[in-house]
Protein backbone atom coordinates (compact mmCIF):
# COMPACT_ATOMS: atom_id res chain seq x y z
CA MET A 1 -55.72 -8.93 50.03
CA THR A 2 -52.22 -9.19 48.58
CA THR A 3 -50.10 -6.14 49.30
CA GLU A 4 -46.97 -6.93 47.30
CA ARG A 5 -46.98 -4.72 44.18
CA ALA A 6 -48.61 -1.34 43.58
CA LEU A 7 -48.73 0.57 40.30
CA VAL A 8 -49.31 4.30 40.86
CA ILE A 9 -50.07 6.57 37.89
CA GLY A 10 -50.29 10.35 38.20
CA GLY A 11 -51.91 13.18 36.28
CA GLY A 12 -50.76 14.66 32.99
CA GLY A 13 -53.66 15.34 30.65
CA VAL A 14 -54.29 13.63 27.34
CA ALA A 15 -50.54 13.48 26.75
CA GLY A 16 -50.05 11.85 30.14
CA ILE A 17 -52.60 9.15 29.35
CA SER A 18 -50.80 8.27 26.12
CA TRP A 19 -47.33 8.48 27.64
CA ALA A 20 -48.22 6.29 30.63
CA THR A 21 -49.86 3.78 28.30
CA GLY A 22 -46.67 3.82 26.26
CA ILE A 23 -44.59 3.21 29.39
CA VAL A 24 -46.66 0.14 30.25
CA ALA A 25 -46.43 -1.08 26.66
CA GLY A 26 -42.68 -0.49 26.44
CA LEU A 27 -42.08 -2.38 29.67
CA ALA A 28 -44.20 -5.25 28.34
CA ASP A 29 -42.23 -5.22 25.08
CA ALA A 30 -39.14 -5.86 27.19
CA GLY A 31 -40.78 -8.65 29.16
CA VAL A 32 -41.85 -6.65 32.21
CA ASP A 33 -45.62 -6.83 32.60
CA VAL A 34 -46.75 -4.45 35.36
CA THR A 35 -50.46 -4.75 34.60
CA GLY A 36 -50.90 -7.53 37.17
CA ALA A 37 -50.22 -5.19 40.10
CA ASP A 38 -52.06 -6.01 43.32
CA LEU A 39 -53.08 -2.34 43.54
CA LEU A 40 -53.72 0.13 40.73
CA LEU A 41 -53.89 3.70 42.04
CA GLY A 42 -54.77 6.49 39.62
CA THR A 43 -54.99 10.25 39.78
CA SER A 44 -56.50 12.37 36.98
CA ALA A 45 -54.94 11.09 33.73
CA GLY A 46 -53.64 8.20 35.79
CA SER A 47 -57.15 7.25 36.84
CA ASN A 48 -58.00 6.70 33.17
CA VAL A 49 -54.92 4.56 32.58
CA ALA A 50 -55.41 2.59 35.81
CA ALA A 51 -59.03 1.89 34.85
CA GLN A 52 -57.98 0.87 31.33
CA VAL A 53 -55.20 -1.42 32.58
CA SER A 54 -57.51 -3.10 35.10
CA SER A 55 -60.26 -3.64 32.52
CA GLY A 56 -58.89 -6.92 31.18
CA VAL A 57 -58.30 -5.38 27.75
CA GLY A 58 -54.85 -6.30 26.43
CA ILE A 59 -51.96 -3.86 26.15
CA ALA A 60 -51.93 -3.98 22.35
CA GLU A 61 -55.57 -2.86 22.24
CA LEU A 62 -54.96 -0.10 24.79
CA VAL A 63 -52.15 1.19 22.58
CA ARG A 64 -54.42 1.04 19.52
CA ARG A 65 -57.04 3.09 21.37
CA GLN A 66 -54.45 5.85 21.72
CA VAL A 67 -53.12 5.94 18.17
CA ASP A 68 -55.89 4.70 15.85
CA PRO A 69 -58.36 7.50 14.95
CA ALA A 70 -61.10 4.91 14.48
CA VAL A 71 -61.08 3.98 18.17
CA GLN A 72 -59.57 7.03 19.89
CA SER A 73 -61.62 8.70 22.62
CA ARG A 74 -63.74 11.66 21.53
CA GLU A 75 -61.98 14.50 23.33
CA ILE A 76 -62.87 18.14 23.80
CA VAL A 77 -59.72 20.22 23.32
CA PRO A 78 -59.46 23.37 25.46
CA SER A 79 -57.75 26.41 24.02
CA MET A 80 -54.10 27.08 24.74
CA GLU A 81 -55.19 30.30 26.45
CA LYS A 82 -57.39 28.35 28.87
CA PHE A 83 -54.60 25.92 29.73
CA ALA A 84 -52.07 28.72 30.12
CA GLY A 85 -54.44 30.53 32.46
CA LEU A 86 -54.88 27.39 34.53
CA TRP A 87 -51.12 26.87 34.81
CA GLU A 88 -50.48 30.49 35.80
CA THR A 89 -53.19 30.46 38.48
CA MET A 90 -52.18 27.08 39.89
CA THR A 91 -48.52 28.12 40.05
CA ALA A 92 -49.42 31.27 41.98
CA ILE A 93 -51.51 29.35 44.52
CA ILE A 94 -48.81 26.71 44.96
CA GLU A 95 -46.22 29.40 45.63
CA GLU A 96 -48.48 31.11 48.17
CA THR A 97 -49.41 27.90 50.01
CA GLN A 98 -46.40 25.79 50.88
CA GLY A 99 -47.17 22.09 50.55
CA ASP A 100 -50.48 20.30 50.25
CA SER A 101 -53.05 21.77 52.64
CA PRO A 102 -56.82 22.16 53.03
CA GLU A 103 -56.37 25.88 52.27
CA ARG A 104 -54.72 25.16 48.93
CA ARG A 105 -57.34 22.58 47.98
CA GLN A 106 -60.22 24.85 48.99
CA ARG A 107 -58.84 27.80 47.04
CA ILE A 108 -58.41 25.73 43.91
CA GLY A 109 -61.79 24.09 44.48
CA ALA A 110 -63.50 27.47 44.69
CA LEU A 111 -62.01 28.46 41.35
CA ALA A 112 -63.07 25.14 39.87
CA LEU A 113 -66.64 25.63 41.07
CA SER A 114 -66.92 29.12 39.58
CA ALA A 115 -65.23 28.46 36.22
CA GLU A 116 -67.09 28.55 32.91
CA THR A 117 -66.74 25.12 31.31
CA VAL A 118 -68.58 22.64 29.16
CA SER A 119 -71.47 20.85 30.86
CA GLU A 120 -70.99 17.88 33.18
CA PRO A 121 -72.75 15.46 30.78
CA GLU A 122 -70.49 16.57 27.91
CA ARG A 123 -67.38 15.93 29.97
CA ARG A 124 -68.65 12.61 31.34
CA ALA A 125 -69.30 11.44 27.78
CA VAL A 126 -65.60 11.93 27.02
CA ILE A 127 -64.60 9.68 29.90
CA GLU A 128 -67.09 7.05 28.72
CA THR A 129 -65.29 6.86 25.39
CA ARG A 130 -61.92 6.54 27.12
CA LEU A 131 -62.82 3.50 29.20
CA PRO A 132 -63.19 0.18 27.37
CA VAL A 133 -65.12 -1.25 30.35
CA HIS A 134 -67.46 0.78 32.54
CA GLU A 135 -67.71 -1.57 35.52
CA TRP A 136 -65.30 -1.75 38.46
CA PRO A 137 -62.92 -4.70 38.23
CA ALA A 138 -62.83 -7.32 40.97
CA ARG A 139 -59.21 -6.39 41.65
CA GLU A 140 -58.01 -3.45 43.76
CA LEU A 141 -58.42 -0.20 41.81
CA ARG A 142 -58.41 3.12 43.65
CA ILE A 143 -59.28 6.48 42.08
CA THR A 144 -58.55 9.83 43.75
CA ALA A 145 -60.60 13.05 43.73
CA VAL A 146 -61.02 16.12 45.94
CA ASN A 147 -64.21 17.63 47.40
CA ALA A 148 -64.23 21.04 45.70
CA GLU A 149 -65.96 22.76 48.62
CA THR A 150 -64.20 21.29 51.64
CA GLY A 151 -60.88 20.30 50.06
CA GLU A 152 -61.23 16.83 51.55
CA PRO A 153 -59.62 14.05 49.48
CA ARG A 154 -61.79 11.11 48.43
CA ILE A 155 -60.66 7.68 47.29
CA PHE A 156 -63.15 5.77 45.16
CA GLY A 157 -63.08 2.00 44.82
CA LYS A 158 -65.30 -0.89 43.89
CA ASP A 159 -67.02 -0.75 47.29
CA SER A 160 -67.64 3.02 47.25
CA GLY A 161 -71.06 2.73 45.61
CA VAL A 162 -69.94 5.15 42.86
CA PRO A 163 -69.95 4.08 39.19
CA LEU A 164 -66.47 3.77 37.69
CA VAL A 165 -67.14 6.33 34.95
CA ASP A 166 -68.26 8.87 37.57
CA ALA A 167 -65.18 8.24 39.71
CA VAL A 168 -62.80 8.70 36.78
CA THR A 169 -64.71 11.79 35.63
CA ALA A 170 -64.30 13.32 39.09
CA SER A 171 -60.62 12.41 39.26
CA SER A 172 -60.09 13.98 35.81
CA ALA A 173 -61.97 17.24 36.49
CA VAL A 174 -59.04 19.55 35.82
CA PRO A 175 -59.92 22.72 37.78
CA MET A 176 -60.91 25.76 35.71
CA VAL A 177 -60.83 23.67 32.52
CA TRP A 178 -63.44 20.94 33.10
CA PRO A 179 -66.56 21.04 35.28
CA CYS A 180 -66.58 19.64 38.79
CA ALA A 181 -68.29 16.24 38.83
CA THR A 182 -71.40 15.87 40.95
CA ILE A 183 -71.67 12.59 42.87
CA ASP A 184 -74.47 12.14 45.41
CA GLY A 185 -74.86 15.91 45.59
CA VAL A 186 -71.15 16.56 46.24
CA ARG A 187 -69.00 18.46 43.73
CA TYR A 188 -65.60 16.92 43.11
CA THR A 189 -62.54 18.31 41.36
CA ASP A 190 -59.37 16.68 40.06
CA GLY A 191 -57.50 14.28 42.34
CA GLY A 192 -54.32 16.11 41.37
CA VAL A 193 -55.47 19.08 43.45
CA ARG A 194 -54.10 17.12 46.43
CA THR A 195 -50.88 16.10 44.68
CA SER A 196 -50.47 15.10 41.07
CA VAL A 197 -49.40 11.53 41.91
CA ASN A 198 -50.62 10.77 45.47
CA ALA A 199 -47.99 8.06 45.80
CA ASP A 200 -48.30 8.04 49.60
CA LEU A 201 -51.70 6.36 49.21
CA ALA A 202 -49.84 3.17 48.21
CA ALA A 203 -48.59 2.82 51.79
CA GLY A 204 -48.51 -0.79 52.93
CA TYR A 205 -47.35 -2.22 49.61
CA ALA A 206 -43.89 -3.79 49.40
CA ARG A 207 -43.00 -2.74 45.84
CA VAL A 208 -44.29 0.47 44.31
CA LEU A 209 -43.84 1.62 40.73
CA VAL A 210 -44.74 5.28 40.24
CA ILE A 211 -45.43 6.59 36.73
CA ALA A 212 -45.45 10.37 37.06
CA PRO A 213 -46.28 12.27 33.85
CA MET A 214 -46.14 15.72 35.48
CA PRO A 215 -43.93 17.30 38.16
CA ASP A 216 -45.14 16.81 41.74
CA GLU A 217 -43.52 18.85 44.49
CA GLU A 218 -44.70 16.31 47.08
CA LEU A 219 -43.43 13.20 45.30
CA GLU A 220 -39.93 13.08 46.75
CA ALA A 221 -41.26 13.23 50.31
CA GLN A 222 -43.97 10.69 49.52
CA VAL A 223 -41.43 8.26 48.10
CA ALA A 224 -39.18 8.79 51.12
CA GLY A 225 -42.11 7.95 53.39
CA LEU A 226 -42.82 4.74 51.51
CA VAL A 227 -39.15 3.74 51.64
CA ALA A 228 -38.93 4.53 55.35
CA ALA A 229 -41.87 2.19 55.89
CA GLY A 230 -39.98 -0.62 54.15
CA ALA A 231 -41.17 -0.35 50.54
CA ARG A 232 -39.00 -0.58 47.45
CA VAL A 233 -39.93 2.23 45.07
CA GLU A 234 -39.05 3.20 41.52
CA VAL A 235 -40.26 6.32 39.71
CA ILE A 236 -40.54 6.87 35.96
CA ALA A 237 -40.79 10.53 34.95
CA PRO A 238 -40.77 11.94 31.40
CA ASP A 239 -37.41 12.12 29.65
CA GLU A 240 -36.50 14.88 27.19
CA ALA A 241 -38.28 13.19 24.29
CA ALA A 242 -41.46 12.82 26.33
CA VAL A 243 -41.38 16.44 27.48
CA ALA A 244 -41.06 17.52 23.86
CA ALA A 245 -43.96 15.26 22.88
CA PHE A 246 -46.19 16.78 25.57
CA GLY A 247 -45.65 20.22 24.06
CA LEU A 248 -47.12 23.35 25.61
CA ASN A 249 -50.63 21.97 26.00
CA PRO A 250 -50.81 18.35 27.27
CA LEU A 251 -54.62 18.50 26.91
CA ASP A 252 -54.28 18.72 23.12
CA THR A 253 -55.12 15.51 21.26
CA ALA A 254 -52.22 16.19 18.87
CA THR A 255 -49.93 15.01 21.68
CA ARG A 256 -51.36 11.49 21.79
CA VAL A 257 -49.29 9.67 19.19
CA PRO A 258 -45.91 11.29 19.91
CA SER A 259 -46.44 10.87 23.67
CA LEU A 260 -47.32 7.19 23.23
CA GLU A 261 -44.21 6.65 21.14
CA ALA A 262 -41.99 8.50 23.61
CA GLY A 263 -43.43 6.52 26.51
CA ARG A 264 -42.99 3.21 24.75
CA ALA A 265 -39.34 3.96 24.00
CA GLN A 266 -38.76 5.07 27.57
CA GLY A 267 -40.48 1.99 28.98
CA LYS A 268 -38.10 -0.20 27.02
CA SER A 269 -35.05 1.78 28.13
CA ASP A 270 -36.14 1.65 31.79
CA SER A 271 -37.08 -2.03 31.71
CA ASP A 272 -33.97 -3.41 33.46
CA ARG A 273 -34.43 -1.03 36.37
CA ILE A 274 -38.12 -1.81 36.70
CA ALA A 275 -37.58 -5.55 36.28
CA ALA A 276 -35.25 -5.47 39.29
CA LEU A 277 -38.10 -3.97 41.32
CA TRP A 278 -41.02 -5.93 39.92
CA GLN A 279 -39.67 -9.38 39.21
CA ASN A 280 -36.94 -10.00 41.77
């Protein structure tokens, strides 16, 4: 297994999916194709993008699937009140529990298990429409999730025995908004319950590009750990235009087109920096 380049994509809702897709497209526009990474590691929104990028479908078509109503995924849009409640609760738990810990994950998992949401089949159907291919690729794709009861992280891959759609559904199970995903009798919640990017899971790779749609209090330390181990790392986080495009509710489908456009512009503007990492 080649361990040269890793592409890590974090969580960020519907807006994050579009923005990260735009980043990849903007980089490609400038001649920097990151889709051939030896490892694709995705968390939550990032699991969707990582699965899409590894599917063999071209970048132009992935962009079209974000902006063309005829082929966009069929999303369920939660109310602003529901998202605001999630953010308030998560912020309180994060402040009370310093750093990622089993206690934090278990507390969030308990809330996820007890929340009133749409049904699991309804939510899984959304993920099906997001993914152009429903089979694991031959290449290295890793998808993160968290056991909602124990707080234990889980990494799904092609050898995990779990269907790709189920893995991405689990990784995207935003706590208190979407239902936990049941896999082999175990309830899983969003991979971002551990950390929103999980960049440390790319340990062992020489060059790591992190696309981080949302803030992650653990990211700086994770990057430092990768660098200390000898990796070269670059991070792309939303600029002002992207933050504006995300709006107050990144789970709203109205954010898709502006987030894609903001990401594409940012990918182009960051291309020299990323080229120095990826191509040299």
